[in-house]
Amino acid sequence: MTDLAADFEAERGHLMAVAHRMLGSRSEAEDAVQETWLRYAGALADPAARAQIRELRGWLTTTCSRICLDVLRSARVRREAYPGQWLPEPVVTDLPAADGFAPDPAERAVRADQLGTALLVVLERLSPEQRVAFVLHDVFAVPFATVAEVLGTTPVAARQLASRARRAVTAPDVPRHTADLAEQQRVLAAFTAAVESGELERLVKVLAPDVVLIGDSGGHFPAARRPVVGAEAVARFILGLFGQAARYTGRVLARPVLVDGTLGWHAETAYRDGRTIRMVTSFAVHEGRVTGVYNQLNPEKVTQLPAVGTQAGWPPHG
């Protein structure tokens, strides 16, 4: 049993990456991986089932993907009833070392499967089958024959599903996010300075003309029920938020972090009724401007994050 557990633990990180990209929820991904473990343990107890496990990672990935597909099909009903806008549960990690911002091709390759919030939001538009096909093939390079096995269809049909998903992901109205960490750092520094200045025109210059802002409060705090679109509208909205925070607390505690592999903030401020708002903000950056702002402040989706810390402050510097 010890060897069995060790073999599975060696694949846990990979399975979490697959499940989170499919589900957009860390807690649901953890549940899917745990269910995969139970099915693996059960298969090894059955000689006939054990004989089907020829390559461990492939078997585990297929099993986990099938579990995620079932979750996605049921999640669509829950998401339709969700109060306000929906954003994925963020995966927040510390920034890399100072030299980690170098635009090195090897560094980009390491982070190639970090989709970022922008793409995770777009994946919500897809059908469960399209999302599974896209994540397995385009993100993790799983052959279409295996994708078809997961979906219970043919390789040709699996290829078509991935193709439709790819077209949706690259649609004209999808915020572009092509910047490496070095460019993200430069743009976010300009964005932060503009917010700190409170100057509308200065902030507008950092934003793409068609920038989109989405906020998810889960109904716990007031938030725009529809995306805010356009540089001036988004700039006014952001300056209004930070102006309101300043009136109640005098400052916002914030630190720079990676959110789903892209540069962002982990911040805290006080709400007018005395409650603490903990938020995770991530950005999409393309051609030197911010194309997307994603503000997660649903308390149910940030429960696993540590406190920002008393050493943090505004503006957040890396």
C-alpha atoms as a PDB file:
ATOM      1  CA  MET A   1       0.000   0.000   0.000  1.00  0.00           C
ATOM      2  CA  THR A   2       2.925   2.332   0.679  1.00  0.00           C
ATOM      3  CA  ASP A   3       4.287   1.843  -2.846  1.00  0.00           C
ATOM      4  CA  LEU A   4       0.783   2.311  -4.246  1.00  0.00           C
ATOM      5  CA  ALA A   5       0.389   5.631  -2.452  1.00  0.00           C
ATOM      6  CA  ALA A   6       3.880   6.772  -3.486  1.00  0.00           C
ATOM      7  CA  ASP A   7       3.163   6.059  -7.153  1.00  0.00           C
ATOM      8  CA  PHE A   8      -0.035   8.055  -6.979  1.00  0.00           C
ATOM      9  CA  GLU A   9       1.530  10.960  -5.066  1.00  0.00           C
ATOM     10  CA  ALA A  10       4.143  11.275  -7.802  1.00  0.00           C
ATOM     11  CA  GLU A  11       1.302  12.046 -10.224  1.00  0.00           C
ATOM     12  CA  ARG A  12      -0.829  14.220  -7.917  1.00  0.00           C
ATOM     13  CA  GLY A  13       0.588  17.521  -9.189  1.00  0.00           C
ATOM     14  CA  HIS A  14      -0.117  16.560 -12.797  1.00  0.00           C
ATOM     15  CA  LEU A  15      -3.652  15.448 -11.957  1.00  0.00           C
ATOM     16  CA  MET A  16      -4.342  18.677 -10.048  1.00  0.00           C
ATOM     17  CA  ALA A  17      -3.143  20.686 -13.051  1.00  0.00           C
ATOM     18  CA  VAL A  18      -5.461  18.757 -15.378  1.00  0.00           C
ATOM     19  CA  ALA A  19      -8.449  18.933 -13.046  1.00  0.00           C
ATOM     20  CA  HIS A  20      -8.090  22.617 -12.198  1.00  0.00           C
ATOM     21  CA  ARG A  21      -7.869  23.623 -15.845  1.00  0.00           C
ATOM     22  CA  MET A  22     -10.965  21.599 -16.594  1.00  0.00           C
ATOM     23  CA  LEU A  23     -13.017  22.720 -13.604  1.00  0.00           C
ATOM     24  CA  GLY A  24     -11.734  26.198 -12.714  1.00  0.00           C
ATOM     25  CA  SER A  25     -12.139  25.364  -9.032  1.00  0.00           C
ATOM     26  CA  ARG A  26      -9.362  24.269  -6.723  1.00  0.00           C
ATOM     27  CA  SER A  27     -11.742  22.568  -4.291  1.00  0.00           C
ATOM     28  CA  GLU A  28     -13.536  20.676  -7.081  1.00  0.00           C
ATOM     29  CA  ALA A  29     -10.181  19.716  -8.578  1.00  0.00           C
ATOM     30  CA  GLU A  30      -9.022  18.337  -5.224  1.00  0.00           C
ATOM     31  CA  ASP A  31     -12.234  16.302  -4.963  1.00  0.00           C
ATOM     32  CA  ALA A  32     -11.728  14.945  -8.487  1.00  0.00           C
ATOM     33  CA  VAL A  33      -8.147  13.917  -7.700  1.00  0.00           C
ATOM     34  CA  GLN A  34      -9.254  12.236  -4.474  1.00  0.00           C
ATOM     35  CA  GLU A  35     -11.925  10.296  -6.374  1.00  0.00           C
ATOM     36  CA  THR A  36      -9.240   9.285  -8.884  1.00  0.00           C
ATOM     37  CA  TRP A  37      -7.183   7.884  -5.999  1.00  0.00           C
ATOM     38  CA  LEU A  38     -10.144   5.852  -4.747  1.00  0.00           C
ATOM     39  CA  ARG A  39     -10.748   4.401  -8.210  1.00  0.00           C
ATOM     40  CA  TYR A  40      -7.047   3.615  -8.579  1.00  0.00           C
ATOM     41  CA  ALA A  41      -6.936   1.821  -5.257  1.00  0.00           C
ATOM     42  CA  GLY A  42     -10.082  -0.083  -6.198  1.00  0.00           C
ATOM     43  CA  ALA A  43      -8.661  -1.080  -9.578  1.00  0.00           C
ATOM     44  CA  LEU A  44      -5.504  -2.470  -8.026  1.00  0.00           C
ATOM     45  CA  ALA A  45      -7.597  -4.640  -5.726  1.00  0.00           C
ATOM     46  CA  ASP A  46      -9.236  -6.231  -8.785  1.00  0.00           C
ATOM     47  CA  PRO A  47      -6.834  -8.359 -10.885  1.00  0.00           C
ATOM     48  CA  ALA A  48      -8.858  -7.852 -14.063  1.00  0.00           C
ATOM     49  CA  ALA A  49      -8.988  -4.069 -13.615  1.00  0.00           C
ATOM     50  CA  ARG A  50      -5.320  -3.946 -12.627  1.00  0.00           C
ATOM     51  CA  ALA A  51      -4.360  -5.603 -15.900  1.00  0.00           C
ATOM     52  CA  GLN A  52      -5.850  -2.603 -17.742  1.00  0.00           C
ATOM     53  CA  ILE A  53      -3.329  -0.219 -16.163  1.00  0.00           C
ATOM     54  CA  ARG A  54      -0.502  -0.394 -18.679  1.00  0.00           C
ATOM     55  CA  GLU A  55       0.843   3.141 -18.223  1.00  0.00           C
ATOM     56  CA  LEU A  56       0.066   4.801 -14.892  1.00  0.00           C
ATOM     57  CA  ARG A  57      -0.015   8.498 -15.868  1.00  0.00           C
ATOM     58  CA  GLY A  58      -2.199   7.779 -18.880  1.00  0.00           C
ATOM     59  CA  TRP A  59      -4.657   5.686 -16.863  1.00  0.00           C
ATOM     60  CA  LEU A  60      -4.863   8.243 -14.072  1.00  0.00           C
ATOM     61  CA  THR A  61      -5.286  11.149 -16.514  1.00  0.00           C
ATOM     62  CA  THR A  62      -8.085   9.330 -18.350  1.00  0.00           C
ATOM     63  CA  THR A  63      -9.850   8.430 -15.107  1.00  0.00           C
ATOM     64  CA  CYS A  64      -9.519  11.942 -13.654  1.00  0.00           C
ATOM     65  CA  SER A  65     -10.747  13.486 -16.925  1.00  0.00           C
ATOM     66  CA  ARG A  66     -13.879  11.332 -16.924  1.00  0.00           C
ATOM     67  CA  ILE A  67     -14.606  12.420 -13.358  1.00  0.00           C
ATOM     68  CA  CYS A  68     -14.117  16.074 -14.359  1.00  0.00           C
ATOM     69  CA  LEU A  69     -16.436  15.623 -17.342  1.00  0.00           C
ATOM     70  CA  ASP A  70     -19.221  14.466 -15.016  1.00  0.00           C
ATOM     71  CA  VAL A  71     -18.567  17.432 -12.708  1.00  0.00           C
ATOM     72  CA  LEU A  72     -18.629  19.884 -15.629  1.00  0.00           C
ATOM     73  CA  ARG A  73     -21.972  18.578 -16.831  1.00  0.00           C
ATOM     74  CA  SER A  74     -23.531  19.119 -13.404  1.00  0.00           C
ATOM     75  CA  ALA A  75     -21.691  22.416 -12.831  1.00  0.00           C
ATOM     76  CA  ARG A  76     -23.384  24.104 -15.785  1.00  0.00           C
ATOM     77  CA  VAL A  77     -26.677  24.119 -13.879  1.00  0.00           C
ATOM     78  CA  ARG A  78     -25.002  25.606 -10.779  1.00  0.00           C
ATOM     79  CA  ARG A  79     -23.195  28.292 -12.778  1.00  0.00           C
ATOM     80  CA  GLU A  80     -26.425  29.426 -14.437  1.00  0.00           C
ATOM     81  CA  ALA A  81     -27.854  30.169 -10.977  1.00  0.00           C
ATOM     82  CA  TYR A  82     -24.677  31.854  -9.702  1.00  0.00           C
ATOM     83  CA  PRO A  83     -25.222  35.367  -8.282  1.00  0.00           C
ATOM     84  CA  GLY A  84     -23.485  37.850 -10.566  1.00  0.00           C
ATOM     85  CA  GLN A  85     -20.376  37.122 -12.588  1.00  0.00           C
ATOM     86  CA  TRP A  86     -18.359  33.927 -12.166  1.00  0.00           C
ATOM     87  CA  LEU A  87     -14.581  33.687 -11.993  1.00  0.00           C
ATOM     88  CA  PRO A  88     -12.489  30.583 -11.324  1.00  0.00           C
ATOM     89  CA  GLU A  89     -11.087  29.873  -7.894  1.00  0.00           C
ATOM     90  CA  PRO A  90      -7.539  31.293  -8.136  1.00  0.00           C
ATOM     91  CA  VAL A  91      -4.344  29.346  -7.671  1.00  0.00           C
ATOM     92  CA  VAL A  92      -2.030  31.856  -5.977  1.00  0.00           C
ATOM     93  CA  THR A  93       1.728  31.313  -5.699  1.00  0.00           C
ATOM     94  CA  ASP A  94       4.659  33.477  -4.694  1.00  0.00           C
ATOM     95  CA  LEU A  95       6.616  35.402  -7.292  1.00  0.00           C
ATOM     96  CA  PRO A  96       9.707  33.785  -8.801  1.00  0.00           C
ATOM     97  CA  ALA A  97      13.191  34.985  -7.901  1.00  0.00           C
ATOM     98  CA  ALA A  98      14.219  38.365  -9.251  1.00  0.00           C
ATOM     99  CA  ASP A  99      15.781  36.832 -12.356  1.00  0.00           C
ATOM    100  CA  GLY A 100      12.578  34.849 -12.981  1.00  0.00           C
ATOM    101  CA  PHE A 101      11.174  37.817 -14.884  1.00  0.00           C
ATOM    102  CA  ALA A 102      13.748  37.454 -17.653  1.00  0.00           C
ATOM    103  CA  PRO A 103      11.950  36.748 -20.949  1.00  0.00           C
ATOM    104  CA  ASP A 104      13.766  33.448 -21.363  1.00  0.00           C
ATOM    105  CA  PRO A 105      12.200  30.898 -23.774  1.00  0.00           C
ATOM    106  CA  ALA A 106      12.903  28.145 -21.258  1.00  0.00           C
ATOM    107  CA  GLU A 107      10.992  30.069 -18.580  1.00  0.00           C
ATOM    108  CA  ARG A 108       8.042  30.499 -20.925  1.00  0.00           C
ATOM    109  CA  ALA A 109       8.080  26.797 -21.714  1.00  0.00           C
ATOM    110  CA  VAL A 110       7.969  25.891 -18.025  1.00  0.00           C
ATOM    111  CA  ARG A 111       4.843  28.032 -17.629  1.00  0.00           C
ATOM    112  CA  ALA A 112       3.209  26.970 -20.883  1.00  0.00           C
ATOM    113  CA  ASP A 113       0.477  24.976 -19.134  1.00  0.00           C
ATOM    114  CA  GLN A 114      -0.380  27.884 -16.792  1.00  0.00           C
ATOM    115  CA  LEU A 115      -3.486  29.082 -18.568  1.00  0.00           C
ATOM    116  CA  GLY A 116      -4.106  32.289 -16.660  1.00  0.00           C
ATOM    117  CA  THR A 117      -7.463  33.598 -15.494  1.00  0.00           C
ATOM    118  CA  ALA A 118      -8.282  35.087 -18.909  1.00  0.00           C
ATOM    119  CA  LEU A 119      -8.295  31.714 -20.632  1.00  0.00           C
ATOM    120  CA  LEU A 120     -10.006  29.941 -17.736  1.00  0.00           C
ATOM    121  CA  VAL A 121     -12.842  32.456 -18.054  1.00  0.00           C
ATOM    122  CA  VAL A 122     -13.132  31.784 -21.788  1.00  0.00           C
ATOM    123  CA  LEU A 123     -13.222  28.033 -21.171  1.00  0.00           C
ATOM    124  CA  GLU A 124     -16.488  28.586 -19.306  1.00  0.00           C
ATOM    125  CA  ARG A 125     -18.112  29.330 -22.681  1.00  0.00           C
ATOM    126  CA  LEU A 126     -17.364  25.842 -23.939  1.00  0.00           C
ATOM    127  CA  SER A 127     -19.451  22.740 -23.625  1.00  0.00           C
ATOM    128  CA  PRO A 128     -18.064  20.179 -21.156  1.00  0.00           C
ATOM    129  CA  GLU A 129     -16.950  17.979 -24.051  1.00  0.00           C
ATOM    130  CA  GLN A 130     -15.194  20.849 -25.839  1.00  0.00           C
ATOM    131  CA  ARG A 131     -13.424  21.912 -22.671  1.00  0.00           C
ATOM    132  CA  VAL A 132     -12.141  18.420 -21.916  1.00  0.00           C
ATOM    133  CA  ALA A 133     -10.962  17.955 -25.506  1.00  0.00           C
ATOM    134  CA  PHE A 134      -9.180  21.320 -25.531  1.00  0.00           C
ATOM    135  CA  VAL A 135      -7.468  20.921 -22.157  1.00  0.00           C
ATOM    136  CA  LEU A 136      -6.331  17.359 -22.794  1.00  0.00           C
ATOM    137  CA  HIS A 137      -5.068  17.871 -26.337  1.00  0.00           C
ATOM    138  CA  ASP A 138      -4.029  21.525 -26.614  1.00  0.00           C
ATOM    139  CA  VAL A 139      -2.689  21.991 -23.085  1.00  0.00           C
ATOM    140  CA  PHE A 140      -1.401  18.534 -22.136  1.00  0.00           C
ATOM    141  CA  ALA A 141      -0.773  17.059 -25.622  1.00  0.00           C
ATOM    142  CA  VAL A 142      -2.934  13.978 -25.031  1.00  0.00           C
ATOM    143  CA  PRO A 143      -3.521  12.125 -28.338  1.00  0.00           C
ATOM    144  CA  PHE A 144      -7.000  12.367 -29.840  1.00  0.00           C
ATOM    145  CA  ALA A 145      -7.413   8.595 -29.566  1.00  0.00           C
ATOM    146  CA  THR A 146      -7.171   8.917 -25.784  1.00  0.00           C
ATOM    147  CA  VAL A 147      -9.354  12.039 -25.740  1.00  0.00           C
ATOM    148  CA  ALA A 148     -11.990  10.087 -27.666  1.00  0.00           C
ATOM    149  CA  GLU A 149     -11.807   7.318 -25.073  1.00  0.00           C
ATOM    150  CA  VAL A 150     -12.475   9.822 -22.290  1.00  0.00           C
ATOM    151  CA  LEU A 151     -15.410  11.374 -24.145  1.00  0.00           C
ATOM    152  CA  GLY A 152     -16.852   8.117 -25.421  1.00  0.00           C
ATOM    153  CA  THR A 153     -16.628   9.219 -29.035  1.00  0.00           C
ATOM    154  CA  THR A 154     -14.395   8.807 -32.104  1.00  0.00           C
ATOM    155  CA  PRO A 155     -10.983  10.458 -32.635  1.00  0.00           C
ATOM    156  CA  VAL A 156     -12.464  12.437 -35.525  1.00  0.00           C
ATOM    157  CA  ALA A 157     -15.256  13.780 -33.311  1.00  0.00           C
ATOM    158  CA  ALA A 158     -12.749  14.557 -30.523  1.00  0.00           C
ATOM    159  CA  ARG A 159     -10.635  16.513 -33.023  1.00  0.00           C
ATOM    160  CA  GLN A 160     -13.704  18.509 -34.087  1.00  0.00           C
ATOM    161  CA  LEU A 161     -14.562  19.318 -30.473  1.00  0.00           C
ATOM    162  CA  ALA A 162     -11.041  20.617 -29.830  1.00  0.00           C
ATOM    163  CA  SER A 163     -11.155  22.636 -33.058  1.00  0.00           C
ATOM    164  CA  ARG A 164     -14.421  24.345 -32.056  1.00  0.00           C
ATOM    165  CA  ALA A 165     -12.951  25.091 -28.628  1.00  0.00           C
ATOM    166  CA  ARG A 166      -9.838  26.568 -30.237  1.00  0.00           C
ATOM    167  CA  ARG A 167     -11.942  28.906 -32.374  1.00  0.00           C
ATOM    168  CA  ALA A 168     -13.842  30.074 -29.287  1.00  0.00           C
ATOM    169  CA  VAL A 169     -10.615  30.684 -27.377  1.00  0.00           C
ATOM    170  CA  THR A 170      -9.213  32.836 -30.194  1.00  0.00           C
ATOM    171  CA  ALA A 171     -12.438  34.745 -30.947  1.00  0.00           C
ATOM    172  CA  PRO A 172     -12.059  38.518 -31.502  1.00  0.00           C
ATOM    173  CA  ASP A 173     -13.872  39.413 -28.273  1.00  0.00           C
ATOM    174  CA  VAL A 174     -11.546  37.350 -26.072  1.00  0.00           C
ATOM    175  CA  PRO A 175      -8.970  39.468 -24.159  1.00  0.00           C
ATOM    176  CA  ARG A 176      -5.504  38.705 -25.472  1.00  0.00           C
ATOM    177  CA  HIS A 177      -2.811  37.669 -23.002  1.00  0.00           C
ATOM    178  CA  THR A 178       0.549  37.165 -24.715  1.00  0.00           C
ATOM    179  CA  ALA A 179       2.997  38.969 -22.426  1.00  0.00           C
ATOM    180  CA  ASP A 180       5.774  37.137 -20.607  1.00  0.00           C
ATOM    181  CA  LEU A 181       6.405  37.916 -16.951  1.00  0.00           C
ATOM    182  CA  ALA A 182       8.930  40.641 -17.724  1.00  0.00           C
ATOM    183  CA  GLU A 183       6.419  42.575 -19.828  1.00  0.00           C
ATOM    184  CA  GLN A 184       3.643  41.923 -17.314  1.00  0.00           C
ATOM    185  CA  GLN A 185       5.828  43.429 -14.607  1.00  0.00           C
ATOM    186  CA  ARG A 186       6.459  46.599 -16.648  1.00  0.00           C
ATOM    187  CA  VAL A 187       2.794  47.069 -17.548  1.00  0.00           C
ATOM    188  CA  LEU A 188       1.543  46.350 -14.038  1.00  0.00           C
ATOM    189  CA  ALA A 189       4.043  48.824 -12.586  1.00  0.00           C
ATOM    190  CA  ALA A 190       2.596  51.506 -14.880  1.00  0.00           C
ATOM    191  CA  PHE A 191      -0.943  50.399 -13.995  1.00  0.00           C
ATOM    192  CA  THR A 192      -0.198  50.548 -10.257  1.00  0.00           C
ATOM    193  CA  ALA A 193       1.382  53.996 -10.532  1.00  0.00           C
ATOM    194  CA  ALA A 194      -1.625  55.260 -12.490  1.00  0.00           C
ATOM    195  CA  VAL A 195      -4.081  53.932  -9.898  1.00  0.00           C
ATOM    196  CA  GLU A 196      -2.018  55.446  -7.093  1.00  0.00           C
ATOM    197  CA  SER A 197      -2.017  58.832  -8.860  1.00  0.00           C
ATOM    198  CA  GLY A 198      -5.802  58.824  -9.187  1.00  0.00           C
ATOM    199  CA  GLU A 199      -5.491  60.385 -12.647  1.00  0.00           C
ATOM    200  CA  LEU A 200      -8.115  59.062 -15.056  1.00  0.00           C
ATOM    201  CA  GLU A 201      -6.237  59.902 -18.266  1.00  0.00           C
ATOM    202  CA  ARG A 202      -3.038  58.306 -16.988  1.00  0.00           C
ATOM    203  CA  LEU A 203      -4.849  55.066 -16.184  1.00  0.00           C
ATOM    204  CA  VAL A 204      -6.710  55.025 -19.506  1.00  0.00           C
ATOM    205  CA  LYS A 205      -3.372  55.070 -21.351  1.00  0.00           C
ATOM    206  CA  VAL A 206      -2.346  51.793 -19.669  1.00  0.00           C
ATOM    207  CA  LEU A 207      -5.589  50.059 -20.685  1.00  0.00           C
ATOM    208  CA  ALA A 208      -6.439  48.598 -24.076  1.00  0.00           C
ATOM    209  CA  PRO A 209      -9.421  50.321 -25.754  1.00  0.00           C
ATOM    210  CA  ASP A 210     -11.526  47.143 -25.423  1.00  0.00           C
ATOM    211  CA  VAL A 211     -10.296  46.142 -21.943  1.00  0.00           C
ATOM    212  CA  VAL A 212     -12.733  44.045 -19.885  1.00  0.00           C
ATOM    213  CA  LEU A 213     -13.164  43.991 -16.093  1.00  0.00           C
ATOM    214  CA  ILE A 214     -14.963  41.124 -14.370  1.00  0.00           C
ATOM    215  CA  GLY A 215     -15.645  40.937 -10.632  1.00  0.00           C
ATOM    216  CA  ASP A 216     -16.870  37.885  -8.705  1.00  0.00           C
ATOM    217  CA  SER A 217     -18.209  38.526  -5.208  1.00  0.00           C
ATOM    218  CA  GLY A 218     -20.521  35.519  -5.048  1.00  0.00           C
ATOM    219  CA  GLY A 219     -23.236  37.847  -3.793  1.00  0.00           C
ATOM    220  CA  HIS A 220     -21.289  38.638  -0.600  1.00  0.00           C
ATOM    221  CA  PHE A 221     -20.349  42.190  -1.641  1.00  0.00           C
ATOM    222  CA  PRO A 222     -21.743  44.610  -4.234  1.00  0.00           C
ATOM    223  CA  ALA A 223     -20.183  44.002  -7.651  1.00  0.00           C
ATOM    224  CA  ALA A 224     -20.999  44.789 -11.253  1.00  0.00           C
ATOM    225  CA  ARG A 225     -23.425  42.153 -12.516  1.00  0.00           C
ATOM    226  CA  ARG A 226     -22.052  42.476 -16.032  1.00  0.00           C
ATOM    227  CA  PRO A 227     -18.515  42.930 -17.366  1.00  0.00           C
ATOM    228  CA  VAL A 228     -17.278  46.528 -17.491  1.00  0.00           C
ATOM    229  CA  VAL A 229     -15.961  47.162 -21.014  1.00  0.00           C
ATOM    230  CA  GLY A 230     -13.816  49.961 -22.453  1.00  0.00           C
ATOM    231  CA  ALA A 231     -10.765  51.850 -21.185  1.00  0.00           C
ATOM    232  CA  GLU A 232     -12.542  54.873 -19.718  1.00  0.00           C
ATOM    233  CA  ALA A 233     -15.348  52.849 -18.110  1.00  0.00           C
ATOM    234  CA  VAL A 234     -12.880  50.408 -16.534  1.00  0.00           C
ATOM    235  CA  ALA A 235     -10.587  53.232 -15.374  1.00  0.00           C
ATOM    236  CA  ARG A 236     -13.470  55.066 -13.681  1.00  0.00           C
ATOM    237  CA  PHE A 237     -14.635  51.837 -12.043  1.00  0.00           C
ATOM    238  CA  ILE A 238     -11.157  51.006 -10.671  1.00  0.00           C
ATOM    239  CA  LEU A 239     -10.481  54.511  -9.374  1.00  0.00           C
ATOM    240  CA  GLY A 240     -13.904  54.492  -7.724  1.00  0.00           C
ATOM    241  CA  LEU A 241     -13.137  51.212  -5.960  1.00  0.00           C
ATOM    242  CA  PHE A 242      -9.803  52.382  -4.600  1.00  0.00           C
ATOM    243  CA  GLY A 243     -11.217  55.772  -3.666  1.00  0.00           C
ATOM    244  CA  GLN A 244     -13.928  54.032  -1.662  1.00  0.00           C
ATOM    245  CA  ALA A 245     -11.368  51.813   0.087  1.00  0.00           C
ATOM    246  CA  ALA A 246      -9.281  54.852   0.990  1.00  0.00           C
ATOM    247  CA  ARG A 247     -12.275  56.568   2.589  1.00  0.00           C
ATOM    248  CA  TYR A 248     -12.887  53.635   4.925  1.00  0.00           C
ATOM    249  CA  THR A 249      -9.359  52.450   5.742  1.00  0.00           C
ATOM    250  CA  GLY A 250      -6.876  54.983   4.408  1.00  0.00           C
ATOM    251  CA  ARG A 251      -5.018  52.277   2.480  1.00  0.00           C
ATOM    252  CA  VAL A 252      -5.149  48.872   0.857  1.00  0.00           C
ATOM    253  CA  LEU A 253      -2.835  46.066   1.974  1.00  0.00           C
ATOM    254  CA  ALA A 254      -1.514  44.297  -1.110  1.00  0.00           C
ATOM    255  CA  ARG A 255       1.330  42.113  -2.292  1.00  0.00           C
ATOM    256  CA  PRO A 256       2.290  40.964  -5.791  1.00  0.00           C
ATOM    257  CA  VAL A 257       1.728  37.274  -6.548  1.00  0.00           C
ATOM    258  CA  LEU A 258       1.250  34.887  -9.436  1.00  0.00           C
ATOM    259  CA  VAL A 259      -2.401  34.084 -10.121  1.00  0.00           C
ATOM    260  CA  ASP A 260      -2.819  30.992 -12.286  1.00  0.00           C
ATOM    261  CA  GLY A 261       0.694  31.654 -13.535  1.00  0.00           C
ATOM    262  CA  THR A 262       0.286  35.351 -14.388  1.00  0.00           C
ATOM    263  CA  LEU A 263       1.159  38.480 -12.432  1.00  0.00           C
ATOM    264  CA  GLY A 264      -1.468  39.829 -10.043  1.00  0.00           C
ATOM    265  CA  TRP A 265      -2.261  41.098  -6.560  1.00  0.00           C
ATOM    266  CA  HIS A 266      -3.416  39.530  -3.323  1.00  0.00           C
ATOM    267  CA  ALA A 267      -5.024  42.353  -1.347  1.00  0.00           C
ATOM    268  CA  GLU A 268      -7.106  43.192   1.705  1.00  0.00           C
ATOM    269  CA  THR A 269      -9.197  46.211   2.588  1.00  0.00           C
ATOM    270  CA  ALA A 270     -12.128  46.992   4.860  1.00  0.00           C
ATOM    271  CA  TYR A 271     -15.738  47.155   3.738  1.00  0.00           C
ATOM    272  CA  ARG A 272     -18.013  49.919   5.021  1.00  0.00           C
ATOM    273  CA  ASP A 273     -19.757  47.546   7.473  1.00  0.00           C
ATOM    274  CA  GLY A 274     -16.426  46.576   9.056  1.00  0.00           C
ATOM    275  CA  ARG A 275     -15.937  43.276   7.235  1.00  0.00           C
ATOM    276  CA  THR A 276     -12.584  42.564   5.636  1.00  0.00           C
ATOM    277  CA  ILE A 277     -12.569  42.116   1.884  1.00  0.00           C
ATOM    278  CA  ARG A 278      -9.843  39.775   0.719  1.00  0.00           C
ATOM    279  CA  MET A 279      -9.355  39.803  -3.026  1.00  0.00           C
ATOM    280  CA  VAL A 280      -7.183  38.333  -5.725  1.00  0.00           C
ATOM    281  CA  THR A 281      -6.783  40.404  -8.871  1.00  0.00           C
ATOM    282  CA  SER A 282      -5.212  39.035 -12.034  1.00  0.00           C
ATOM    283  CA  PHE A 283      -4.534  40.681 -15.362  1.00  0.00           C
ATOM    284  CA  ALA A 284      -4.287  39.907 -19.050  1.00  0.00           C
ATOM    285  CA  VAL A 285      -1.597  41.883 -20.892  1.00  0.00           C
ATOM    286  CA  HIS A 286      -1.089  42.234 -24.642  1.00  0.00           C
ATOM    287  CA  GLU A 287       1.149  44.599 -26.623  1.00  0.00           C
ATOM    288  CA  GLY A 288       2.024  46.744 -23.624  1.00  0.00           C
ATOM    289  CA  ARG A 289      -1.493  47.295 -22.284  1.00  0.00           C
ATOM    290  CA  VAL A 290      -3.901  45.656 -19.876  1.00  0.00           C
ATOM    291  CA  THR A 291      -6.624  43.824 -21.814  1.00  0.00           C
ATOM    292  CA  GLY A 292      -8.380  42.132 -18.892  1.00  0.00           C
ATOM    293  CA  VAL A 293      -8.842  42.691 -15.151  1.00  0.00           C
ATOM    294  CA  TYR A 294     -10.253  39.824 -13.080  1.00  0.00           C
ATOM    295  CA  ASN A 295     -11.146  40.589  -9.473  1.00  0.00           C
ATOM    296  CA  GLN A 296     -11.992  37.613  -7.258  1.00  0.00           C
ATOM    297  CA  LEU A 297     -13.501  38.705  -3.929  1.00  0.00           C
ATOM    298  CA  ASN A 298     -15.886  35.847  -3.178  1.00  0.00           C
ATOM    299  CA  PRO A 299     -14.867  34.793   0.361  1.00  0.00           C
ATOM    300  CA  GLU A 300     -15.694  31.173  -0.453  1.00  0.00           C
ATOM    301  CA  LYS A 301     -13.019  31.126  -3.166  1.00  0.00           C
ATOM    302  CA  VAL A 302     -10.159  32.722  -1.214  1.00  0.00           C
ATOM    303  CA  THR A 303     -10.432  30.781   2.056  1.00  0.00           C
ATOM    304  CA  GLN A 304      -7.162  28.885   1.482  1.00  0.00           C
ATOM    305  CA  LEU A 305      -5.080  32.032   1.093  1.00  0.00           C
ATOM    306  CA  PRO A 306      -2.955  33.295   3.992  1.00  0.00           C
ATOM    307  CA  ALA A 307      -3.350  36.822   5.285  1.00  0.00           C
ATOM    308  CA  VAL A 308      -1.674  39.439   3.130  1.00  0.00           C
ATOM    309  CA  GLY A 309       0.595  40.383   6.032  1.00  0.00           C
ATOM    310  CA  THR A 310       1.313  43.581   7.900  1.00  0.00           C
ATOM    311  CA  GLN A 311       4.444  44.227   5.835  1.00  0.00           C
ATOM    312  CA  ALA A 312       2.397  44.575   2.660  1.00  0.00           C
ATOM    313  CA  GLY A 313       1.121  47.950   1.541  1.00  0.00           C
ATOM    314  CA  TRP A 314       0.073  50.026  -1.409  1.00  0.00           C
ATOM    315  CA  PRO A 315       1.373  50.134  -4.043  1.00  0.00           C
ATOM    316  CA  PRO A 316       2.376  46.443  -4.223  1.00  0.00           C
ATOM    317  CA  HIS A 317       6.010  46.158  -5.344  1.00  0.00           C
ATOM    318  CA  GLY A 318       7.678  42.907  -6.391  1.00  0.00           C
END
